[in-house]
PDB file of N, CA and C in Angstrom:
ATOM      1  N   UNK A   1      14.151   6.837  -6.547  1.00  0.00           N
ATOM      2  CA  UNK A   1      15.081   5.961  -5.865  1.00  0.00           C
ATOM      3  C   UNK A   1      15.061   4.564  -6.484  1.00  0.00           C
ATOM      4  N   UNK A   2      13.889   4.019  -6.725  1.00  0.00           N
ATOM      5  CA  UNK A   2      13.819   2.648  -7.221  1.00  0.00           C
ATOM      6  C   UNK A   2      13.830   2.558  -8.737  1.00  0.00           C
ATOM      7  N   UNK A   3      13.449   3.615  -9.409  1.00  0.00           N
ATOM      8  CA  UNK A   3      13.336   3.550 -10.864  1.00  0.00           C
ATOM      9  C   UNK A   3      14.323   4.473 -11.559  1.00  0.00           C
ATOM     10  N   UNK A   4      15.306   4.927 -10.853  1.00  0.00           N
ATOM     11  CA  UNK A   4      16.287   5.826 -11.477  1.00  0.00           C
ATOM     12  C   UNK A   4      17.021   5.106 -12.595  1.00  0.00           C
ATOM     13  N   UNK A   5      17.215   5.822 -13.672  1.00  0.00           N
ATOM     14  CA  UNK A   5      17.964   5.265 -14.780  1.00  0.00           C
ATOM     15  C   UNK A   5      17.149   4.396 -15.718  1.00  0.00           C
ATOM     16  N   UNK A   6      15.858   4.235 -15.455  1.00  0.00           N
ATOM     17  CA  UNK A   6      15.023   3.437 -16.352  1.00  0.00           C
ATOM     18  C   UNK A   6      14.656   4.251 -17.585  1.00  0.00           C
ATOM     19  N   UNK A   7      14.624   3.581 -18.714  1.00  0.00           N
ATOM     20  CA  UNK A   7      14.125   4.236 -19.916  1.00  0.00           C
ATOM     21  C   UNK A   7      12.596   4.236 -19.858  1.00  0.00           C
ATOM     22  N   UNK A   8      11.960   4.832 -20.838  1.00  0.00           N
ATOM     23  CA  UNK A   8      10.501   4.955 -20.837  1.00  0.00           C
ATOM     24  C   UNK A   8       9.816   3.593 -20.788  1.00  0.00           C
ATOM     25  N   UNK A   9      10.332   2.626 -21.530  1.00  0.00           N
ATOM     26  CA  UNK A   9       9.721   1.294 -21.539  1.00  0.00           C
ATOM     27  C   UNK A   9       9.873   0.627 -20.175  1.00  0.00           C
ATOM     28  N   UNK A  10      11.027   0.775 -19.576  1.00  0.00           N
ATOM     29  CA  UNK A  10      11.252   0.193 -18.255  1.00  0.00           C
ATOM     30  C   UNK A  10      10.373   0.840 -17.203  1.00  0.00           C
ATOM     31  N   UNK A  11      10.221   2.162 -17.284  1.00  0.00           N
ATOM     32  CA  UNK A  11       9.353   2.872 -16.345  1.00  0.00           C
ATOM     33  C   UNK A  11       7.906   2.427 -16.514  1.00  0.00           C
ATOM     34  N   UNK A  12       7.461   2.271 -17.744  1.00  0.00           N
ATOM     35  CA  UNK A  12       6.091   1.818 -17.997  1.00  0.00           C
ATOM     36  C   UNK A  12       5.878   0.417 -17.444  1.00  0.00           C
ATOM     37  N   UNK A  13       6.858  -0.445 -17.590  1.00  0.00           N
ATOM     38  CA  UNK A  13       6.768  -1.804 -17.056  1.00  0.00           C
ATOM     39  C   UNK A  13       6.697  -1.763 -15.525  1.00  0.00           C
ATOM     40  N   UNK A  14       7.536  -0.941 -14.905  1.00  0.00           N
ATOM     41  CA  UNK A  14       7.551  -0.781 -13.451  1.00  0.00           C
ATOM     42  C   UNK A  14       6.191  -0.297 -12.958  1.00  0.00           C
ATOM     43  N   UNK A  15       5.660   0.739 -13.608  1.00  0.00           N
ATOM     44  CA  UNK A  15       4.355   1.279 -13.224  1.00  0.00           C
ATOM     45  C   UNK A  15       3.274   0.227 -13.410  1.00  0.00           C
ATOM     46  N   UNK A  16       3.333  -0.512 -14.495  1.00  0.00           N
ATOM     47  CA  UNK A  16       2.351  -1.557 -14.748  1.00  0.00           C
ATOM     48  C   UNK A  16       2.352  -2.648 -13.694  1.00  0.00           C
ATOM     49  N   UNK A  17       3.506  -2.891 -13.089  1.00  0.00           N
ATOM     50  CA  UNK A  17       3.601  -3.934 -12.065  1.00  0.00           C
ATOM     51  C   UNK A  17       3.079  -3.457 -10.710  1.00  0.00           C
ATOM     52  N   UNK A  18       3.217  -2.166 -10.410  1.00  0.00           N
ATOM     53  CA  UNK A  18       2.953  -1.703  -9.050  1.00  0.00           C
ATOM     54  C   UNK A  18       1.849  -0.669  -8.909  1.00  0.00           C
ATOM     55  N   UNK A  19       1.343  -0.135  -9.985  1.00  0.00           N
ATOM     56  CA  UNK A  19       0.288   0.869  -9.911  1.00  0.00           C
ATOM     57  C   UNK A  19      -0.978   0.267 -10.501  1.00  0.00           C
ATOM     58  N   UNK A  20      -2.072   0.361  -9.741  1.00  0.00           N
ATOM     59  CA  UNK A  20      -3.340  -0.179 -10.209  1.00  0.00           C
ATOM     60  C   UNK A  20      -4.482   0.640  -9.614  1.00  0.00           C
ATOM     61  N   UNK A  21      -5.689   0.165  -9.737  1.00  0.00           N
ATOM     62  CA  UNK A  21      -6.844   0.904  -9.221  1.00  0.00           C
ATOM     63  C   UNK A  21      -6.760   1.115  -7.714  1.00  0.00           C
ATOM     64  N   UNK A  22      -6.162   0.151  -6.988  1.00  0.00           N
ATOM     65  CA  UNK A  22      -6.009   0.294  -5.534  1.00  0.00           C
ATOM     66  C   UNK A  22      -5.107   1.482  -5.200  1.00  0.00           C
ATOM     67  N   UNK A  23      -4.174   1.807  -6.071  1.00  0.00           N
ATOM     68  CA  UNK A  23      -3.280   2.937  -5.846  1.00  0.00           C
ATOM     69  C   UNK A  23      -4.069   4.243  -5.817  1.00  0.00           C
ATOM     70  N   UNK A  24      -5.061   4.340  -6.669  1.00  0.00           N
ATOM     71  CA  UNK A  24      -5.852   5.561  -6.763  1.00  0.00           C
ATOM     72  C   UNK A  24      -6.870   5.682  -5.647  1.00  0.00           C
ATOM     73  N   UNK A  25      -7.482   4.567  -5.249  1.00  0.00           N
ATOM     74  CA  UNK A  25      -8.511   4.600  -4.207  1.00  0.00           C
ATOM     75  C   UNK A  25      -8.654   3.209  -3.606  1.00  0.00           C
ATOM     76  N   UNK A  26      -8.286   3.068  -2.338  1.00  0.00           N
ATOM     77  CA  UNK A  26      -8.417   1.773  -1.675  1.00  0.00           C
ATOM     78  C   UNK A  26      -9.868   1.354  -1.524  1.00  0.00           C
ATOM     79  N   UNK A  27     -10.741   2.322  -1.351  1.00  0.00           N
ATOM     80  CA  UNK A  27     -12.132   2.003  -1.093  1.00  0.00           C
ATOM     81  C   UNK A  27     -12.273   1.374   0.282  1.00  0.00           C
ATOM     82  N   UNK A  28     -13.486   1.058   0.654  1.00  0.00           N
ATOM     83  CA  UNK A  28     -13.749   0.482   1.973  1.00  0.00           C
ATOM     84  C   UNK A  28     -13.083  -0.882   2.132  1.00  0.00           C
ATOM     85  N   UNK A  29     -13.101  -1.693   1.088  1.00  0.00           N
ATOM     86  CA  UNK A  29     -12.479  -3.020   1.152  1.00  0.00           C
ATOM     87  C   UNK A  29     -10.982  -2.914   1.403  1.00  0.00           C
ATOM     88  N   UNK A  30     -10.316  -2.039   0.691  1.00  0.00           N
ATOM     89  CA  UNK A  30      -8.878  -1.866   0.870  1.00  0.00           C
ATOM     90  C   UNK A  30      -8.530  -1.317   2.238  1.00  0.00           C
ATOM     91  N   UNK A  31      -9.332  -0.386   2.730  1.00  0.00           N
ATOM     92  CA  UNK A  31      -9.089   0.174   4.058  1.00  0.00           C
ATOM     93  C   UNK A  31      -9.238  -0.895   5.136  1.00  0.00           C
ATOM     94  N   UNK A  32     -10.269  -1.716   5.010  1.00  0.00           N
ATOM     95  CA  UNK A  32     -10.438  -2.815   5.977  1.00  0.00           C
ATOM     96  C   UNK A  32      -9.263  -3.777   5.905  1.00  0.00           C
ATOM     97  N   UNK A  33      -8.754  -4.017   4.700  1.00  0.00           N
ATOM     98  CA  UNK A  33      -7.610  -4.919   4.538  1.00  0.00           C
ATOM     99  C   UNK A  33      -6.364  -4.353   5.221  1.00  0.00           C
ATOM    100  N   UNK A  34      -6.116  -3.065   5.067  1.00  0.00           N
ATOM    101  CA  UNK A  34      -4.962  -2.436   5.715  1.00  0.00           C
ATOM    102  C   UNK A  34      -5.113  -2.515   7.233  1.00  0.00           C
ATOM    103  N   UNK A  35      -6.306  -2.223   7.733  1.00  0.00           N
ATOM    104  CA  UNK A  35      -6.545  -2.282   9.174  1.00  0.00           C
ATOM    105  C   UNK A  35      -6.358  -3.703   9.698  1.00  0.00           C
ATOM    106  N   UNK A  36      -6.828  -4.702   8.950  1.00  0.00           N
ATOM    107  CA  UNK A  36      -6.658  -6.097   9.362  1.00  0.00           C
ATOM    108  C   UNK A  36      -5.187  -6.490   9.359  1.00  0.00           C
ATOM    109  N   UNK A  37      -4.447  -6.064   8.354  1.00  0.00           N
ATOM    110  CA  UNK A  37      -3.018  -6.364   8.284  1.00  0.00           C
ATOM    111  C   UNK A  37      -2.288  -5.777   9.490  1.00  0.00           C
ATOM    112  N   UNK A  38      -2.580  -4.523   9.814  1.00  0.00           N
ATOM    113  CA  UNK A  38      -1.934  -3.887  10.962  1.00  0.00           C
ATOM    114  C   UNK A  38      -2.331  -4.564  12.271  1.00  0.00           C
ATOM    115  N   UNK A  39      -3.588  -4.959  12.405  1.00  0.00           N
ATOM    116  CA  UNK A  39      -4.040  -5.649  13.614  1.00  0.00           C
ATOM    117  C   UNK A  39      -3.343  -6.996  13.759  1.00  0.00           C
ATOM    118  N   UNK A  40      -3.200  -7.725  12.677  1.00  0.00           N
ATOM    119  CA  UNK A  40      -2.500  -9.019  12.731  1.00  0.00           C
ATOM    120  C   UNK A  40      -1.030  -8.830  13.065  1.00  0.00           C
ATOM    121  N   UNK A  41      -0.425  -7.804  12.493  1.00  0.00           N
ATOM    122  CA  UNK A  41       0.972  -7.514  12.803  1.00  0.00           C
ATOM    123  C   UNK A  41       1.156  -7.173  14.266  1.00  0.00           C
ATOM    124  N   UNK A  42       0.228  -6.389  14.820  1.00  0.00           N
ATOM    125  CA  UNK A  42       0.298  -6.029  16.240  1.00  0.00           C
ATOM    126  C   UNK A  42       0.082  -7.258  17.114  1.00  0.00           C
ATOM    127  N   UNK A  43      -0.872  -8.107  16.742  1.00  0.00           N
ATOM    128  CA  UNK A  43      -1.137  -9.321  17.521  1.00  0.00           C
ATOM    129  C   UNK A  43       0.071 -10.246  17.533  1.00  0.00           C
ATOM    130  N   UNK A  44       0.843 -10.235  16.465  1.00  0.00           N
ATOM    131  CA  UNK A  44       2.041 -11.077  16.371  1.00  0.00           C
ATOM    132  C   UNK A  44       3.265 -10.395  16.980  1.00  0.00           C
ATOM    133  N   UNK A  45       3.095  -9.151  17.440  1.00  0.00           N
ATOM    134  CA  UNK A  45       4.208  -8.425  18.035  1.00  0.00           C
ATOM    135  C   UNK A  45       5.197  -7.861  17.026  1.00  0.00           C
ATOM    136  N   UNK A  46       4.778  -7.759  15.788  1.00  0.00           N
ATOM    137  CA  UNK A  46       5.671  -7.273  14.733  1.00  0.00           C
ATOM    138  C   UNK A  46       5.647  -5.756  14.580  1.00  0.00           C
ATOM    139  N   UNK A  47       4.516  -5.152  14.902  1.00  0.00           N
ATOM    140  CA  UNK A  47       4.366  -3.697  14.815  1.00  0.00           C
ATOM    141  C   UNK A  47       3.600  -3.236  16.051  1.00  0.00           C
ATOM    142  N   UNK A  48       3.741  -1.974  16.433  1.00  0.00           N
ATOM    143  CA  UNK A  48       2.969  -1.488  17.580  1.00  0.00           C
ATOM    144  C   UNK A  48       1.478  -1.445  17.256  1.00  0.00           C
ATOM    145  N   UNK A  49       0.668  -1.578  18.289  1.00  0.00           N
ATOM    146  CA  UNK A  49      -0.782  -1.510  18.106  1.00  0.00           C
ATOM    147  C   UNK A  49      -1.167  -0.130  17.589  1.00  0.00           C
ATOM    148  N   UNK A  50      -2.139  -0.119  16.712  1.00  0.00           N
ATOM    149  CA  UNK A  50      -2.616   1.126  16.107  1.00  0.00           C
ATOM    150  C   UNK A  50      -4.079   1.299  16.517  1.00  0.00           C
ATOM    151  N   UNK A  51      -4.367   2.265  17.405  1.00  0.00           N
ATOM    152  CA  UNK A  51      -5.738   2.404  17.893  1.00  0.00           C
ATOM    153  C   UNK A  51      -6.734   2.827  16.822  1.00  0.00           C
ATOM    154  N   UNK A  52      -6.274   3.421  15.778  1.00  0.00           N
ATOM    155  CA  UNK A  52      -7.167   3.843  14.700  1.00  0.00           C
ATOM    156  C   UNK A  52      -6.384   4.594  13.643  1.00  0.00           C
ATOM    157  N   UNK A  53      -6.847   4.504  12.437  1.00  0.00           N
ATOM    158  CA  UNK A  53      -6.174   5.183  11.337  1.00  0.00           C
ATOM    159  C   UNK A  53      -6.989   6.388  10.905  1.00  0.00           C
ATOM    160  N   UNK A  54      -6.312   7.431  10.526  1.00  0.00           N
ATOM    161  CA  UNK A  54      -6.969   8.600   9.950  1.00  0.00           C
ATOM    162  C   UNK A  54      -6.739   8.542   8.444  1.00  0.00           C
ATOM    163  N   UNK A  55      -7.784   8.303   7.694  1.00  0.00           N
ATOM    164  CA  UNK A  55      -7.683   8.197   6.243  1.00  0.00           C
ATOM    165  C   UNK A  55      -7.855   9.566   5.616  1.00  0.00           C
ATOM    166  N   UNK A  56      -7.063   9.856   4.625  1.00  0.00           N
ATOM    167  CA  UNK A  56      -7.146  11.119   3.899  1.00  0.00           C
ATOM    168  C   UNK A  56      -7.635  10.819   2.489  1.00  0.00           C
ATOM    169  N   UNK A  57      -8.701  11.456   2.102  1.00  0.00           N
ATOM    170  CA  UNK A  57      -9.248  11.245   0.755  1.00  0.00           C
ATOM    171  C   UNK A  57      -8.700  12.255  -0.209  1.00  0.00           C
TER     172      UNK A  57
END
């Protein structure tokens, strides 16, 4: 959807901008960051409260 019509160089540039080690594995630090982001969003009334996340490895 977002990269349709890109040539190989454009696709590589797109991947380089948005794919990194966090994409492969958030790790404990990344998971805590996601949970904190969701908690802040809920506290601000931007998203519904999330009682807990189920992480899939």
